[in-house]
PDB file of N, CA and C in Angstrom:
ATOM      1  N   UNK A   1      87.735 142.381  24.600  1.00  0.00           N
ATOM      2  CA  UNK A   1      87.921 141.412  23.529  1.00  0.00           C
ATOM      3  C   UNK A   1      87.052 141.812  22.342  1.00  0.00           C
ATOM      4  N   UNK A   2      86.477 140.819  21.595  1.00  0.00           N
ATOM      5  CA  UNK A   2      85.684 141.119  20.408  1.00  0.00           C
ATOM      6  C   UNK A   2      84.345 141.720  20.739  1.00  0.00           C
ATOM      7  N   UNK A   3      83.866 142.555  19.862  1.00  0.00           N
ATOM      8  CA  UNK A   3      82.557 143.189  20.033  1.00  0.00           C
ATOM      9  C   UNK A   3      81.460 142.165  19.796  1.00  0.00           C
ATOM     10  N   UNK A   4      80.397 142.280  20.549  1.00  0.00           N
ATOM     11  CA  UNK A   4      79.276 141.365  20.389  1.00  0.00           C
ATOM     12  C   UNK A   4      78.270 141.880  19.371  1.00  0.00           C
ATOM     13  N   UNK A   5      78.478 143.062  18.834  1.00  0.00           N
ATOM     14  CA  UNK A   5      77.556 143.646  17.872  1.00  0.00           C
ATOM     15  C   UNK A   5      78.067 143.391  16.464  1.00  0.00           C
ATOM     16  N   UNK A   6      77.164 142.941  15.611  1.00  0.00           N
ATOM     17  CA  UNK A   6      77.531 142.703  14.223  1.00  0.00           C
ATOM     18  C   UNK A   6      77.010 143.861  13.396  1.00  0.00           C
ATOM     19  N   UNK A   7      77.903 144.550  12.686  1.00  0.00           N
ATOM     20  CA  UNK A   7      77.534 145.673  11.832  1.00  0.00           C
ATOM     21  C   UNK A   7      77.636 145.237  10.383  1.00  0.00           C
ATOM     22  N   UNK A   8      76.525 145.220   9.665  1.00  0.00           N
ATOM     23  CA  UNK A   8      76.543 144.842   8.255  1.00  0.00           C
ATOM     24  C   UNK A   8      77.023 143.416   8.080  1.00  0.00           C
ATOM     25  N   UNK A   9      78.098 143.225   7.306  1.00  0.00           N
ATOM     26  CA  UNK A   9      78.636 141.895   7.036  1.00  0.00           C
ATOM     27  C   UNK A   9      79.785 141.521   7.970  1.00  0.00           C
ATOM     28  N   UNK A  10      80.026 142.314   8.994  1.00  0.00           N
ATOM     29  CA  UNK A  10      81.108 142.032   9.932  1.00  0.00           C
ATOM     30  C   UNK A  10      80.793 140.770  10.722  1.00  0.00           C
ATOM     31  N   UNK A  11      81.778 139.904  10.848  1.00  0.00           N
ATOM     32  CA  UNK A  11      81.601 138.666  11.598  1.00  0.00           C
ATOM     33  C   UNK A  11      82.276 138.798  12.954  1.00  0.00           C
ATOM     34  N   UNK A  12      81.630 138.271  13.987  1.00  0.00           N
ATOM     35  CA  UNK A  12      82.164 138.380  15.340  1.00  0.00           C
ATOM     36  C   UNK A  12      83.269 137.373  15.616  1.00  0.00           C
ATOM     37  N   UNK A  13      83.071 136.145  15.198  1.00  0.00           N
ATOM     38  CA  UNK A  13      84.000 135.076  15.565  1.00  0.00           C
ATOM     39  C   UNK A  13      84.657 134.387  14.367  1.00  0.00           C
ATOM     40  N   UNK A  14      84.021 134.405  13.215  1.00  0.00           N
ATOM     41  CA  UNK A  14      84.498 133.618  12.080  1.00  0.00           C
ATOM     42  C   UNK A  14      85.069 134.458  10.942  1.00  0.00           C
ATOM     43  N   UNK A  15      85.529 135.653  11.250  1.00  0.00           N
ATOM     44  CA  UNK A  15      86.123 136.506  10.214  1.00  0.00           C
ATOM     45  C   UNK A  15      87.316 135.808   9.558  1.00  0.00           C
ATOM     46  N   UNK A  16      88.057 135.012  10.337  1.00  0.00           N
ATOM     47  CA  UNK A  16      89.218 134.313   9.783  1.00  0.00           C
ATOM     48  C   UNK A  16      88.814 133.329   8.686  1.00  0.00           C
ATOM     49  N   UNK A  17      87.625 132.741   8.792  1.00  0.00           N
ATOM     50  CA  UNK A  17      87.145 131.813   7.757  1.00  0.00           C
ATOM     51  C   UNK A  17      86.934 132.579   6.456  1.00  0.00           C
ATOM     52  N   UNK A  18      86.288 133.722   6.553  1.00  0.00           N
ATOM     53  CA  UNK A  18      86.039 134.551   5.372  1.00  0.00           C
ATOM     54  C   UNK A  18      87.355 135.021   4.758  1.00  0.00           C
ATOM     55  N   UNK A  19      88.241 135.540   5.567  1.00  0.00           N
ATOM     56  CA  UNK A  19      89.525 136.068   5.085  1.00  0.00           C
ATOM     57  C   UNK A  19      90.365 134.967   4.435  1.00  0.00           C
ATOM     58  N   UNK A  20      90.440 133.820   5.092  1.00  0.00           N
ATOM     59  CA  UNK A  20      91.234 132.707   4.564  1.00  0.00           C
ATOM     60  C   UNK A  20      90.646 132.171   3.271  1.00  0.00           C
ATOM     61  N   UNK A  21      89.334 132.003   3.223  1.00  0.00           N
ATOM     62  CA  UNK A  21      88.716 131.470   2.006  1.00  0.00           C
ATOM     63  C   UNK A  21      88.866 132.440   0.839  1.00  0.00           C
ATOM     64  N   UNK A  22      88.776 133.740   1.104  1.00  0.00           N
ATOM     65  CA  UNK A  22      88.982 134.728   0.041  1.00  0.00           C
ATOM     66  C   UNK A  22      90.410 134.664  -0.482  1.00  0.00           C
ATOM     67  N   UNK A  23      91.364 134.509   0.419  1.00  0.00           N
ATOM     68  CA  UNK A  23      92.767 134.429   0.025  1.00  0.00           C
ATOM     69  C   UNK A  23      93.037 133.159  -0.793  1.00  0.00           C
ATOM     70  N   UNK A  24      92.515 132.039  -0.337  1.00  0.00           N
ATOM     71  CA  UNK A  24      92.701 130.777  -1.058  1.00  0.00           C
ATOM     72  C   UNK A  24      92.059 130.858  -2.439  1.00  0.00           C
ATOM     73  N   UNK A  25      90.850 131.400  -2.513  1.00  0.00           N
ATOM     74  CA  UNK A  25      90.183 131.532  -3.806  1.00  0.00           C
ATOM     75  C   UNK A  25      90.989 132.422  -4.740  1.00  0.00           C
ATOM     76  N   UNK A  26      91.459 133.537  -4.234  1.00  0.00           N
ATOM     77  CA  UNK A  26      92.214 134.479  -5.052  1.00  0.00           C
ATOM     78  C   UNK A  26      93.485 133.835  -5.607  1.00  0.00           C
ATOM     79  N   UNK A  27      94.221 133.166  -4.750  1.00  0.00           N
ATOM     80  CA  UNK A  27      95.457 132.514  -5.190  1.00  0.00           C
ATOM     81  C   UNK A  27      95.182 131.381  -6.172  1.00  0.00           C
ATOM     82  N   UNK A  28      94.149 130.599  -5.912  1.00  0.00           N
ATOM     83  CA  UNK A  28      93.784 129.507  -6.816  1.00  0.00           C
ATOM     84  C   UNK A  28      93.372 130.057  -8.169  1.00  0.00           C
ATOM     85  N   UNK A  29      92.593 131.140  -8.167  1.00  0.00           N
ATOM     86  CA  UNK A  29      92.163 131.754  -9.418  1.00  0.00           C
ATOM     87  C   UNK A  29      93.363 132.249 -10.219  1.00  0.00           C
ATOM     88  N   UNK A  30      94.310 132.888  -9.543  1.00  0.00           N
ATOM     89  CA  UNK A  30      95.498 133.401 -10.231  1.00  0.00           C
ATOM     90  C   UNK A  30      96.280 132.269 -10.893  1.00  0.00           C
ATOM     91  N   UNK A  31      96.456 131.170 -10.180  1.00  0.00           N
ATOM     92  CA  UNK A  31      97.196 130.029 -10.720  1.00  0.00           C
ATOM     93  C   UNK A  31      96.438 129.414 -11.896  1.00  0.00           C
ATOM     94  N   UNK A  32      95.128 129.195 -11.727  1.00  0.00           N
ATOM     95  CA  UNK A  32      94.327 128.600 -12.792  1.00  0.00           C
ATOM     96  C   UNK A  32      94.300 129.501 -14.022  1.00  0.00           C
ATOM     97  N   UNK A  33      94.162 130.802 -13.804  1.00  0.00           N
ATOM     98  CA  UNK A  33      94.127 131.749 -14.926  1.00  0.00           C
ATOM     99  C   UNK A  33      95.458 131.745 -15.670  1.00  0.00           C
ATOM    100  N   UNK A  34      96.539 131.736 -14.945  1.00  0.00           N
ATOM    101  CA  UNK A  34      97.861 131.713 -15.559  1.00  0.00           C
ATOM    102  C   UNK A  34      98.062 130.432 -16.366  1.00  0.00           C
ATOM    103  N   UNK A  35      97.694 129.314 -15.791  1.00  0.00           N
ATOM    104  CA  UNK A  35      97.824 128.029 -16.476  1.00  0.00           C
ATOM    105  C   UNK A  35      96.950 127.991 -17.723  1.00  0.00           C
ATOM    106  N   UNK A  36      95.683 128.398 -17.595  1.00  0.00           N
ATOM    107  CA  UNK A  36      94.764 128.387 -18.742  1.00  0.00           C
ATOM    108  C   UNK A  36      95.257 129.323 -19.836  1.00  0.00           C
ATOM    109  N   UNK A  37      95.706 130.506 -19.459  1.00  0.00           N
ATOM    110  CA  UNK A  37      96.203 131.465 -20.447  1.00  0.00           C
ATOM    111  C   UNK A  37      97.395 130.906 -21.206  1.00  0.00           C
ATOM    112  N   UNK A  38      98.260 130.223 -20.483  1.00  0.00           N
ATOM    113  CA  UNK A  38      99.435 129.622 -21.109  1.00  0.00           C
ATOM    114  C   UNK A  38      99.028 128.523 -22.097  1.00  0.00           C
ATOM    115  N   UNK A  39      98.122 127.683 -21.694  1.00  0.00           N
ATOM    116  CA  UNK A  39      97.653 126.596 -22.567  1.00  0.00           C
ATOM    117  C   UNK A  39      96.871 127.172 -23.743  1.00  0.00           C
ATOM    118  N   UNK A  40      96.065 128.180 -23.471  1.00  0.00           N
ATOM    119  CA  UNK A  40      95.193 128.777 -24.507  1.00  0.00           C
ATOM    120  C   UNK A  40      96.009 129.351 -25.668  1.00  0.00           C
ATOM    121  N   UNK A  41      97.186 129.879 -25.394  1.00  0.00           N
ATOM    122  CA  UNK A  41      98.016 130.446 -26.466  1.00  0.00           C
ATOM    123  C   UNK A  41      98.587 129.370 -27.383  1.00  0.00           C
ATOM    124  N   UNK A  42      98.548 128.121 -26.939  1.00  0.00           N
ATOM    125  CA  UNK A  42      99.095 127.019 -27.722  1.00  0.00           C
ATOM    126  C   UNK A  42      98.041 126.274 -28.534  1.00  0.00           C
ATOM    127  N   UNK A  43      96.812 126.733 -28.483  1.00  0.00           N
ATOM    128  CA  UNK A  43      95.714 126.083 -29.207  1.00  0.00           C
ATOM    129  C   UNK A  43      95.841 126.387 -30.701  1.00  0.00           C
ATOM    130  N   UNK A  44      95.712 125.371 -31.526  1.00  0.00           N
ATOM    131  CA  UNK A  44      95.771 125.612 -32.969  1.00  0.00           C
ATOM    132  C   UNK A  44      94.651 126.550 -33.426  1.00  0.00           C
ATOM    133  N   UNK A  45      94.941 127.380 -34.402  1.00  0.00           N
ATOM    134  CA  UNK A  45      93.964 128.335 -34.913  1.00  0.00           C
ATOM    135  C   UNK A  45      92.697 127.683 -35.440  1.00  0.00           C
ATOM    136  N   UNK A  46      92.799 126.433 -35.882  1.00  0.00           N
ATOM    137  CA  UNK A  46      91.632 125.755 -36.464  1.00  0.00           C
ATOM    138  C   UNK A  46      90.532 125.474 -35.446  1.00  0.00           C
ATOM    139  N   UNK A  47      90.859 125.421 -34.166  1.00  0.00           N
ATOM    140  CA  UNK A  47      89.842 125.159 -33.140  1.00  0.00           C
ATOM    141  C   UNK A  47      89.561 126.384 -32.269  1.00  0.00           C
ATOM    142  N   UNK A  48      90.204 127.488 -32.569  1.00  0.00           N
ATOM    143  CA  UNK A  48      90.048 128.694 -31.753  1.00  0.00           C
ATOM    144  C   UNK A  48      88.598 129.167 -31.693  1.00  0.00           C
ATOM    145  N   UNK A  49      87.904 129.138 -32.820  1.00  0.00           N
ATOM    146  CA  UNK A  49      86.514 129.605 -32.857  1.00  0.00           C
ATOM    147  C   UNK A  49      85.618 128.742 -31.959  1.00  0.00           C
ATOM    148  N   UNK A  50      85.820 127.432 -31.994  1.00  0.00           N
ATOM    149  CA  UNK A  50      85.014 126.535 -31.160  1.00  0.00           C
ATOM    150  C   UNK A  50      85.310 126.753 -29.674  1.00  0.00           C
ATOM    151  N   UNK A  51      86.564 126.961 -29.344  1.00  0.00           N
ATOM    152  CA  UNK A  51      86.923 127.185 -27.943  1.00  0.00           C
ATOM    153  C   UNK A  51      86.343 128.506 -27.449  1.00  0.00           C
ATOM    154  N   UNK A  52      86.395 129.529 -28.271  1.00  0.00           N
ATOM    155  CA  UNK A  52      85.808 130.816 -27.903  1.00  0.00           C
ATOM    156  C   UNK A  52      84.313 130.665 -27.655  1.00  0.00           C
ATOM    157  N   UNK A  53      83.648 129.875 -28.480  1.00  0.00           N
ATOM    158  CA  UNK A  53      82.211 129.628 -28.312  1.00  0.00           C
ATOM    159  C   UNK A  53      81.931 128.917 -26.989  1.00  0.00           C
ATOM    160  N   UNK A  54      82.725 127.907 -26.685  1.00  0.00           N
ATOM    161  CA  UNK A  54      82.546 127.173 -25.424  1.00  0.00           C
ATOM    162  C   UNK A  54      82.815 128.097 -24.236  1.00  0.00           C
ATOM    163  N   UNK A  55      83.864 128.901 -24.309  1.00  0.00           N
ATOM    164  CA  UNK A  55      84.173 129.841 -23.227  1.00  0.00           C
ATOM    165  C   UNK A  55      82.996 130.789 -22.978  1.00  0.00           C
ATOM    166  N   UNK A  56      82.417 131.273 -24.049  1.00  0.00           N
ATOM    167  CA  UNK A  56      81.286 132.192 -23.933  1.00  0.00           C
ATOM    168  C   UNK A  56      80.097 131.519 -23.253  1.00  0.00           C
ATOM    169  N   UNK A  57      79.799 130.293 -23.653  1.00  0.00           N
ATOM    170  CA  UNK A  57      78.664 129.569 -23.065  1.00  0.00           C
ATOM    171  C   UNK A  57      78.914 129.231 -21.596  1.00  0.00           C
ATOM    172  N   UNK A  58      80.133 128.839 -21.291  1.00  0.00           N
ATOM    173  CA  UNK A  58      80.462 128.521 -19.902  1.00  0.00           C
ATOM    174  C   UNK A  58      80.337 129.771 -19.033  1.00  0.00           C
ATOM    175  N   UNK A  59      80.845 130.889 -19.520  1.00  0.00           N
ATOM    176  CA  UNK A  59      80.747 132.149 -18.778  1.00  0.00           C
ATOM    177  C   UNK A  59      79.292 132.558 -18.595  1.00  0.00           C
ATOM    178  N   UNK A  60      78.509 132.427 -19.639  1.00  0.00           N
ATOM    179  CA  UNK A  60      77.093 132.792 -19.581  1.00  0.00           C
ATOM    180  C   UNK A  60      76.346 131.966 -18.540  1.00  0.00           C
ATOM    181  N   UNK A  61      76.673 130.683 -18.435  1.00  0.00           N
ATOM    182  CA  UNK A  61      75.986 129.810 -17.484  1.00  0.00           C
ATOM    183  C   UNK A  61      76.518 129.973 -16.061  1.00  0.00           C
ATOM    184  N   UNK A  62      77.835 130.056 -15.921  1.00  0.00           N
ATOM    185  CA  UNK A  62      78.409 130.021 -14.578  1.00  0.00           C
ATOM    186  C   UNK A  62      78.351 131.344 -13.823  1.00  0.00           C
ATOM    187  N   UNK A  63      78.353 132.460 -14.515  1.00  0.00           N
ATOM    188  CA  UNK A  63      78.353 133.757 -13.813  1.00  0.00           C
ATOM    189  C   UNK A  63      77.180 133.893 -12.849  1.00  0.00           C
ATOM    190  N   UNK A  64      75.934 133.641 -13.277  1.00  0.00           N
ATOM    191  CA  UNK A  64      74.820 133.765 -12.318  1.00  0.00           C
ATOM    192  C   UNK A  64      74.909 132.730 -11.187  1.00  0.00           C
ATOM    193  N   UNK A  65      75.410 131.541 -11.509  1.00  0.00           N
ATOM    194  CA  UNK A  65      75.522 130.497 -10.485  1.00  0.00           C
ATOM    195  C   UNK A  65      76.556 130.884  -9.427  1.00  0.00           C
ATOM    196  N   UNK A  66      77.658 131.460  -9.856  1.00  0.00           N
ATOM    197  CA  UNK A  66      78.676 131.903  -8.901  1.00  0.00           C
ATOM    198  C   UNK A  66      78.153 133.033  -8.017  1.00  0.00           C
ATOM    199  N   UNK A  67      77.371 133.933  -8.590  1.00  0.00           N
ATOM    200  CA  UNK A  67      76.779 135.011  -7.787  1.00  0.00           C
ATOM    201  C   UNK A  67      75.857 134.450  -6.714  1.00  0.00           C
ATOM    202  N   UNK A  68      75.031 133.463  -7.088  1.00  0.00           N
ATOM    203  CA  UNK A  68      74.128 132.834  -6.117  1.00  0.00           C
ATOM    204  C   UNK A  68      74.927 132.135  -5.024  1.00  0.00           C
ATOM    205  N   UNK A  69      75.984 131.428  -5.422  1.00  0.00           N
ATOM    206  CA  UNK A  69      76.817 130.719  -4.455  1.00  0.00           C
ATOM    207  C   UNK A  69      77.462 131.692  -3.478  1.00  0.00           C
ATOM    208  N   UNK A  70      77.933 132.819  -3.981  1.00  0.00           N
ATOM    209  CA  UNK A  70      78.536 133.825  -3.094  1.00  0.00           C
ATOM    210  C   UNK A  70      77.514 134.358  -2.106  1.00  0.00           C
ATOM    211  N   UNK A  71      76.297 134.616  -2.569  1.00  0.00           N
ATOM    212  CA  UNK A  71      75.251 135.116  -1.675  1.00  0.00           C
ATOM    213  C   UNK A  71      74.931 134.093  -0.592  1.00  0.00           C
ATOM    214  N   UNK A  72      74.751 132.842  -0.991  1.00  0.00           N
ATOM    215  CA  UNK A  72      74.391 131.789  -0.044  1.00  0.00           C
ATOM    216  C   UNK A  72      75.534 131.533   0.933  1.00  0.00           C
ATOM    217  N   UNK A  73      76.765 131.486   0.437  1.00  0.00           N
ATOM    218  CA  UNK A  73      77.890 131.206   1.340  1.00  0.00           C
ATOM    219  C   UNK A  73      78.055 132.321   2.372  1.00  0.00           C
ATOM    220  N   UNK A  74      77.843 133.564   1.959  1.00  0.00           N
ATOM    221  CA  UNK A  74      77.910 134.679   2.909  1.00  0.00           C
ATOM    222  C   UNK A  74      76.832 134.576   3.968  1.00  0.00           C
ATOM    223  N   UNK A  75      75.623 134.220   3.535  1.00  0.00           N
ATOM    224  CA  UNK A  75      74.519 134.055   4.482  1.00  0.00           C
ATOM    225  C   UNK A  75      74.795 132.910   5.455  1.00  0.00           C
ATOM    226  N   UNK A  76      75.315 131.792   4.944  1.00  0.00           N
ATOM    227  CA  UNK A  76      75.615 130.651   5.807  1.00  0.00           C
ATOM    228  C   UNK A  76      76.712 130.985   6.814  1.00  0.00           C
ATOM    229  N   UNK A  77      77.729 131.699   6.366  1.00  0.00           N
ATOM    230  CA  UNK A  77      78.805 132.074   7.280  1.00  0.00           C
ATOM    231  C   UNK A  77      78.299 133.044   8.357  1.00  0.00           C
ATOM    232  N   UNK A  78      77.447 133.971   7.963  1.00  0.00           N
ATOM    233  CA  UNK A  78      76.861 134.902   8.935  1.00  0.00           C
ATOM    234  C   UNK A  78      76.003 134.140   9.945  1.00  0.00           C
ATOM    235  N   UNK A  79      75.216 133.169   9.471  1.00  0.00           N
ATOM    236  CA  UNK A  79      74.389 132.347  10.360  1.00  0.00           C
ATOM    237  C   UNK A  79      75.267 131.552  11.329  1.00  0.00           C
ATOM    238  N   UNK A  80      76.304 130.882  10.781  1.00  0.00           N
ATOM    239  CA  UNK A  80      77.200 130.093  11.632  1.00  0.00           C
ATOM    240  C   UNK A  80      77.881 130.980  12.665  1.00  0.00           C
ATOM    241  N   UNK A  81      78.293 132.177  12.243  1.00  0.00           N
ATOM    242  CA  UNK A  81      78.943 133.113  13.150  1.00  0.00           C
ATOM    243  C   UNK A  81      78.018 133.485  14.310  1.00  0.00           C
ATOM    244  N   UNK A  82      76.731 133.618  14.010  1.00  0.00           N
ATOM    245  CA  UNK A  82      75.777 133.989  15.067  1.00  0.00           C
ATOM    246  C   UNK A  82      75.542 132.851  16.058  1.00  0.00           C
ATOM    247  N   UNK A  83      75.878 131.612  15.657  1.00  0.00           N
ATOM    248  CA  UNK A  83      75.652 130.448  16.515  1.00  0.00           C
ATOM    249  C   UNK A  83      76.885 130.059  17.331  1.00  0.00           C
ATOM    250  N   UNK A  84      78.038 130.637  17.008  1.00  0.00           N
ATOM    251  CA  UNK A  84      79.260 130.296  17.748  1.00  0.00           C
ATOM    252  C   UNK A  84      79.179 130.941  19.129  1.00  0.00           C
ATOM    253  N   UNK A  85      79.383 130.113  20.123  1.00  0.00           N
ATOM    254  CA  UNK A  85      79.316 130.603  21.502  1.00  0.00           C
ATOM    255  C   UNK A  85      80.548 131.436  21.818  1.00  0.00           C
ATOM    256  N   UNK A  86      80.377 132.504  22.568  1.00  0.00           N
ATOM    257  CA  UNK A  86      81.535 133.315  22.961  1.00  0.00           C
ATOM    258  C   UNK A  86      82.504 132.460  23.779  1.00  0.00           C
ATOM    259  N   UNK A  87      83.775 132.719  23.623  1.00  0.00           N
ATOM    260  CA  UNK A  87      84.763 131.998  24.414  1.00  0.00           C
ATOM    261  C   UNK A  87      84.699 132.479  25.858  1.00  0.00           C
ATOM    262  N   UNK A  88      85.036 131.625  26.796  1.00  0.00           N
ATOM    263  CA  UNK A  88      85.010 132.039  28.205  1.00  0.00           C
ATOM    264  C   UNK A  88      85.911 133.263  28.425  1.00  0.00           C
ATOM    265  N   UNK A  89      85.422 134.198  29.153  1.00  0.00           N
ATOM    266  CA  UNK A  89      86.193 135.395  29.469  1.00  0.00           C
ATOM    267  C   UNK A  89      85.986 136.526  28.474  1.00  0.00           C
ATOM    268  N   UNK A  90      85.151 136.282  27.433  1.00  0.00           N
ATOM    269  CA  UNK A  90      84.904 137.352  26.437  1.00  0.00           C
ATOM    270  C   UNK A  90      83.866 138.305  26.928  1.00  0.00           C
TER     271      UNK A  90
END
C-alpha cells in the first residue's frame, strides 16, 4: 500500500486534500479572473487611473500575505498528515 516515509513535501495520507484544493483554487481563480477582466474592460476611462491605483495597492498588500498563507497551510497539512493513523492492513 502507501509508503510510510515522507520525502520532502510528499504526503502519505492527505495528498488528495492538497490536489483537490489546488484544483479548486485554480478553477476559482480562472473564473474570477475572467469575470474581473470582462468587467474591467467596461470601466469608464475617467475612473481607470483610480482603479489602477487601487489594484496596485491591493496587490502590494496581498502578495506577501498570500505567500505566508501558502507556507502555513502547507505546514498544517503536513502536520495533519503526520497525525493520520494508518488504515488497518496498511
